[in-house]
N, C-alpha and C. Protein backbone atom coordinates (compact mmCIF):
# COMPACT_ATOMS: atom_id res chain seq x y z
N MET A 1 -22.70 -5.02 9.04
CA MET A 1 -22.13 -6.19 8.37
C MET A 1 -20.76 -5.83 7.81
N VAL A 2 -19.81 -6.71 7.98
CA VAL A 2 -18.44 -6.49 7.52
C VAL A 2 -18.35 -6.71 6.02
N LYS A 3 -17.67 -5.81 5.33
CA LYS A 3 -17.43 -5.95 3.89
C LYS A 3 -16.00 -6.44 3.70
N TRP A 4 -15.84 -7.65 3.21
CA TRP A 4 -14.52 -8.24 2.96
C TRP A 4 -14.11 -7.98 1.53
N HIS A 5 -12.81 -7.80 1.31
CA HIS A 5 -12.26 -7.59 -0.02
C HIS A 5 -11.18 -8.62 -0.28
N ARG A 6 -11.11 -9.08 -1.50
CA ARG A 6 -10.04 -9.99 -1.90
C ARG A 6 -8.85 -9.17 -2.38
N ARG A 7 -7.67 -9.74 -2.29
CA ARG A 7 -6.44 -9.09 -2.74
C ARG A 7 -6.58 -8.59 -4.17
N GLU A 8 -7.17 -9.40 -5.03
CA GLU A 8 -7.32 -9.06 -6.45
C GLU A 8 -8.18 -7.81 -6.66
N GLU A 9 -9.07 -7.52 -5.71
CA GLU A 9 -9.94 -6.35 -5.83
C GLU A 9 -9.22 -5.06 -5.48
N VAL A 10 -8.11 -5.15 -4.77
CA VAL A 10 -7.42 -3.97 -4.25
C VAL A 10 -6.14 -3.66 -5.03
N VAL A 11 -5.39 -4.70 -5.41
CA VAL A 11 -4.12 -4.50 -6.11
C VAL A 11 -4.34 -3.75 -7.43
N GLY A 12 -3.53 -2.72 -7.65
CA GLY A 12 -3.61 -1.93 -8.86
C GLY A 12 -4.41 -0.64 -8.70
N LYS A 13 -5.14 -0.50 -7.60
CA LYS A 13 -5.94 0.72 -7.39
C LYS A 13 -5.04 1.86 -6.94
N GLU A 14 -5.43 3.08 -7.34
CA GLU A 14 -4.73 4.27 -6.89
C GLU A 14 -5.08 4.54 -5.44
N ILE A 15 -4.12 5.11 -4.71
CA ILE A 15 -4.35 5.50 -3.32
C ILE A 15 -4.37 7.02 -3.28
N ILE A 16 -5.47 7.57 -2.77
CA ILE A 16 -5.70 9.01 -2.75
C ILE A 16 -5.82 9.46 -1.30
N ASP A 17 -5.17 10.59 -0.98
CA ASP A 17 -5.25 11.09 0.39
C ASP A 17 -6.38 12.10 0.56
N GLY A 18 -6.55 12.62 1.75
CA GLY A 18 -7.63 13.54 2.08
C GLY A 18 -7.56 14.87 1.36
N GLU A 19 -6.42 15.18 0.76
CA GLU A 19 -6.27 16.42 -0.02
C GLU A 19 -6.40 16.16 -1.51
N ALA A 20 -6.95 15.00 -1.87
CA ALA A 20 -7.18 14.58 -3.26
C ALA A 20 -5.89 14.44 -4.05
N LYS A 21 -4.81 14.07 -3.37
CA LYS A 21 -3.53 13.85 -4.04
C LYS A 21 -3.24 12.36 -4.11
N LYS A 22 -2.66 11.93 -5.22
CA LYS A 22 -2.31 10.53 -5.38
C LYS A 22 -1.05 10.22 -4.58
N ILE A 23 -1.16 9.23 -3.71
CA ILE A 23 -0.01 8.79 -2.92
C ILE A 23 0.78 7.75 -3.69
N GLY A 24 0.08 6.87 -4.39
CA GLY A 24 0.71 5.79 -5.13
C GLY A 24 -0.33 4.79 -5.58
N THR A 25 0.13 3.57 -5.82
CA THR A 25 -0.73 2.48 -6.30
C THR A 25 -0.53 1.28 -5.39
N VAL A 26 -1.61 0.54 -5.15
CA VAL A 26 -1.51 -0.67 -4.34
C VAL A 26 -0.75 -1.73 -5.14
N LYS A 27 0.38 -2.16 -4.58
CA LYS A 27 1.18 -3.21 -5.24
C LYS A 27 0.85 -4.58 -4.66
N ASP A 28 0.63 -4.64 -3.35
CA ASP A 28 0.39 -5.93 -2.70
C ASP A 28 -0.14 -5.66 -1.29
N LEU A 29 -0.43 -6.73 -0.58
CA LEU A 29 -0.79 -6.65 0.83
C LEU A 29 0.31 -7.31 1.64
N ALA A 30 0.50 -6.86 2.87
CA ALA A 30 1.52 -7.43 3.74
C ALA A 30 0.95 -7.57 5.14
N TRP A 31 1.56 -8.40 5.97
CA TRP A 31 1.13 -8.55 7.35
C TRP A 31 2.35 -8.73 8.22
N SER A 32 2.19 -8.38 9.48
CA SER A 32 3.28 -8.49 10.45
C SER A 32 3.09 -9.75 11.29
N ASN A 33 4.11 -10.07 12.07
CA ASN A 33 4.04 -11.24 12.94
C ASN A 33 2.96 -11.11 14.00
N ASP A 34 2.61 -9.87 14.36
CA ASP A 34 1.57 -9.69 15.37
C ASP A 34 0.18 -9.53 14.78
N GLY A 35 0.03 -9.83 13.48
CA GLY A 35 -1.29 -9.89 12.86
C GLY A 35 -1.80 -8.60 12.25
N LYS A 36 -0.98 -7.56 12.19
CA LYS A 36 -1.41 -6.31 11.58
C LYS A 36 -1.28 -6.39 10.07
N LEU A 37 -2.23 -5.76 9.37
CA LEU A 37 -2.23 -5.74 7.91
C LEU A 37 -1.75 -4.39 7.39
N ALA A 38 -1.14 -4.40 6.20
CA ALA A 38 -0.69 -3.17 5.56
C ALA A 38 -0.82 -3.33 4.05
N ILE A 39 -0.91 -2.19 3.39
CA ILE A 39 -0.88 -2.15 1.94
C ILE A 39 0.54 -1.81 1.52
N VAL A 40 1.06 -2.53 0.53
CA VAL A 40 2.36 -2.17 -0.05
C VAL A 40 2.06 -1.15 -1.14
N VAL A 41 2.58 0.06 -0.95
CA VAL A 41 2.32 1.18 -1.86
C VAL A 41 3.49 1.36 -2.80
N GLU A 42 3.21 1.32 -4.10
CA GLU A 42 4.24 1.60 -5.10
C GLU A 42 4.20 3.10 -5.36
N ARG A 43 5.30 3.80 -5.02
CA ARG A 43 5.32 5.25 -5.10
C ARG A 43 6.16 5.76 -6.27
N GLY A 44 6.90 4.91 -6.89
CA GLY A 44 7.75 5.29 -8.01
C GLY A 44 8.38 4.05 -8.58
N MET A 45 9.29 4.24 -9.50
CA MET A 45 9.92 3.08 -10.16
C MET A 45 10.56 2.13 -9.15
N GLU A 46 11.25 2.65 -8.16
CA GLU A 46 11.94 1.79 -7.20
C GLU A 46 11.67 2.20 -5.76
N GLU A 47 10.51 2.77 -5.52
CA GLU A 47 10.18 3.21 -4.17
C GLU A 47 8.86 2.57 -3.73
N GLU A 48 8.90 1.92 -2.57
CA GLU A 48 7.72 1.29 -2.00
C GLU A 48 7.61 1.68 -0.53
N SER A 49 6.38 1.68 -0.03
CA SER A 49 6.13 1.97 1.37
C SER A 49 5.03 1.05 1.87
N TYR A 50 4.99 0.88 3.20
CA TYR A 50 3.89 0.18 3.85
C TYR A 50 2.91 1.22 4.37
N LEU A 51 1.62 0.97 4.16
CA LEU A 51 0.57 1.81 4.71
C LEU A 51 -0.29 0.93 5.62
N PRO A 52 -0.25 1.17 6.94
CA PRO A 52 -1.05 0.35 7.85
C PRO A 52 -2.53 0.37 7.43
N PHE A 53 -3.14 -0.81 7.45
CA PHE A 53 -4.50 -0.94 6.95
C PHE A 53 -5.50 -0.13 7.77
N ASP A 54 -5.19 0.13 9.03
CA ASP A 54 -6.13 0.92 9.83
C ASP A 54 -6.17 2.39 9.42
N GLN A 55 -5.29 2.80 8.50
CA GLN A 55 -5.30 4.16 7.96
C GLN A 55 -6.23 4.29 6.75
N VAL A 56 -6.71 3.16 6.23
CA VAL A 56 -7.60 3.16 5.07
C VAL A 56 -9.00 3.59 5.52
N GLU A 57 -9.51 4.63 4.88
CA GLU A 57 -10.85 5.13 5.21
C GLU A 57 -11.93 4.39 4.41
N LYS A 58 -11.66 4.18 3.11
CA LYS A 58 -12.65 3.59 2.23
C LYS A 58 -11.98 2.95 1.03
N ILE A 59 -12.57 1.87 0.52
CA ILE A 59 -12.09 1.21 -0.70
C ILE A 59 -13.26 1.19 -1.68
N GLY A 60 -13.02 1.74 -2.86
CA GLY A 60 -14.02 1.76 -3.92
C GLY A 60 -13.29 1.70 -5.25
N ASP A 61 -13.54 2.68 -6.12
CA ASP A 61 -12.77 2.76 -7.37
C ASP A 61 -11.31 3.08 -7.07
N VAL A 62 -11.08 3.74 -5.93
CA VAL A 62 -9.74 4.03 -5.44
C VAL A 62 -9.69 3.65 -3.97
N VAL A 63 -8.49 3.69 -3.39
CA VAL A 63 -8.33 3.50 -1.95
C VAL A 63 -8.14 4.89 -1.35
N PHE A 64 -9.04 5.27 -0.44
CA PHE A 64 -9.00 6.59 0.15
C PHE A 64 -8.41 6.50 1.56
N VAL A 65 -7.41 7.35 1.82
CA VAL A 65 -6.81 7.45 3.16
C VAL A 65 -6.87 8.90 3.61
N GLU A 66 -6.91 9.10 4.90
CA GLU A 66 -7.00 10.46 5.43
C GLU A 66 -5.71 11.23 5.19
N GLY A 67 -4.55 10.59 5.36
CA GLY A 67 -3.27 11.25 5.16
C GLY A 67 -2.20 10.24 4.83
N SER A 68 -1.02 10.71 4.49
CA SER A 68 0.06 9.80 4.11
C SER A 68 1.19 9.82 5.12
N THR A 69 0.95 10.35 6.31
CA THR A 69 2.01 10.50 7.30
C THR A 69 2.45 9.18 7.91
N SER A 70 1.64 8.16 7.82
CA SER A 70 1.98 6.89 8.46
C SER A 70 2.65 5.91 7.51
N LEU A 71 3.12 6.36 6.36
CA LEU A 71 3.82 5.48 5.42
C LEU A 71 5.19 5.11 5.98
N GLU A 72 5.53 3.83 5.90
CA GLU A 72 6.84 3.34 6.33
C GLU A 72 7.58 2.85 5.09
N SER A 73 8.82 3.27 4.92
CA SER A 73 9.60 2.84 3.76
C SER A 73 9.87 1.35 3.81
N VAL A 74 9.82 0.71 2.64
CA VAL A 74 10.12 -0.71 2.51
C VAL A 74 11.57 -0.81 2.07
N PRO A 75 12.38 -1.57 2.79
CA PRO A 75 13.76 -1.75 2.34
C PRO A 75 13.77 -2.46 0.99
N MET A 76 14.49 -1.90 0.04
CA MET A 76 14.56 -2.50 -1.29
C MET A 76 15.50 -3.70 -1.25
N ARG A 77 15.06 -4.76 -1.89
CA ARG A 77 15.87 -5.97 -1.99
C ARG A 77 16.61 -5.97 -3.31
N THR A 78 17.84 -6.42 -3.29
CA THR A 78 18.65 -6.50 -4.49
C THR A 78 18.91 -7.96 -4.83
N CYS A 79 18.73 -8.31 -6.10
CA CYS A 79 19.01 -9.67 -6.56
C CYS A 79 20.50 -9.95 -6.39
N PRO A 80 20.86 -11.06 -5.72
CA PRO A 80 22.28 -11.35 -5.50
C PRO A 80 23.02 -11.72 -6.80
N VAL A 81 22.29 -12.09 -7.84
CA VAL A 81 22.93 -12.51 -9.09
C VAL A 81 23.15 -11.31 -10.00
N CYS A 82 22.08 -10.57 -10.31
CA CYS A 82 22.20 -9.50 -11.30
C CYS A 82 22.27 -8.12 -10.68
N LYS A 83 22.13 -8.03 -9.34
CA LYS A 83 22.17 -6.77 -8.60
C LYS A 83 21.01 -5.83 -8.94
N HIS A 84 19.94 -6.35 -9.57
CA HIS A 84 18.76 -5.55 -9.90
C HIS A 84 17.88 -5.43 -8.67
N LYS A 85 17.33 -4.26 -8.45
CA LYS A 85 16.44 -4.05 -7.30
C LYS A 85 15.03 -4.44 -7.66
């Protein structure tokens, strides 16, 4: 039986890799035009990455992934008015 999760259940959880190291925190979910899902990982004050959802091993108190090698950097957007990222 498939276990479905709501966005609210995942956002804010820590992401831990197979070596028990914290990769970051789930900031949001994202999807591509071809239907693939990803987690938006907050890695620092102004650093975000995409983690393809097929890399997620388990979701519980934390999000467990085997490794962090498949992280893709998210281009930072700058506000055109105040220039804040």
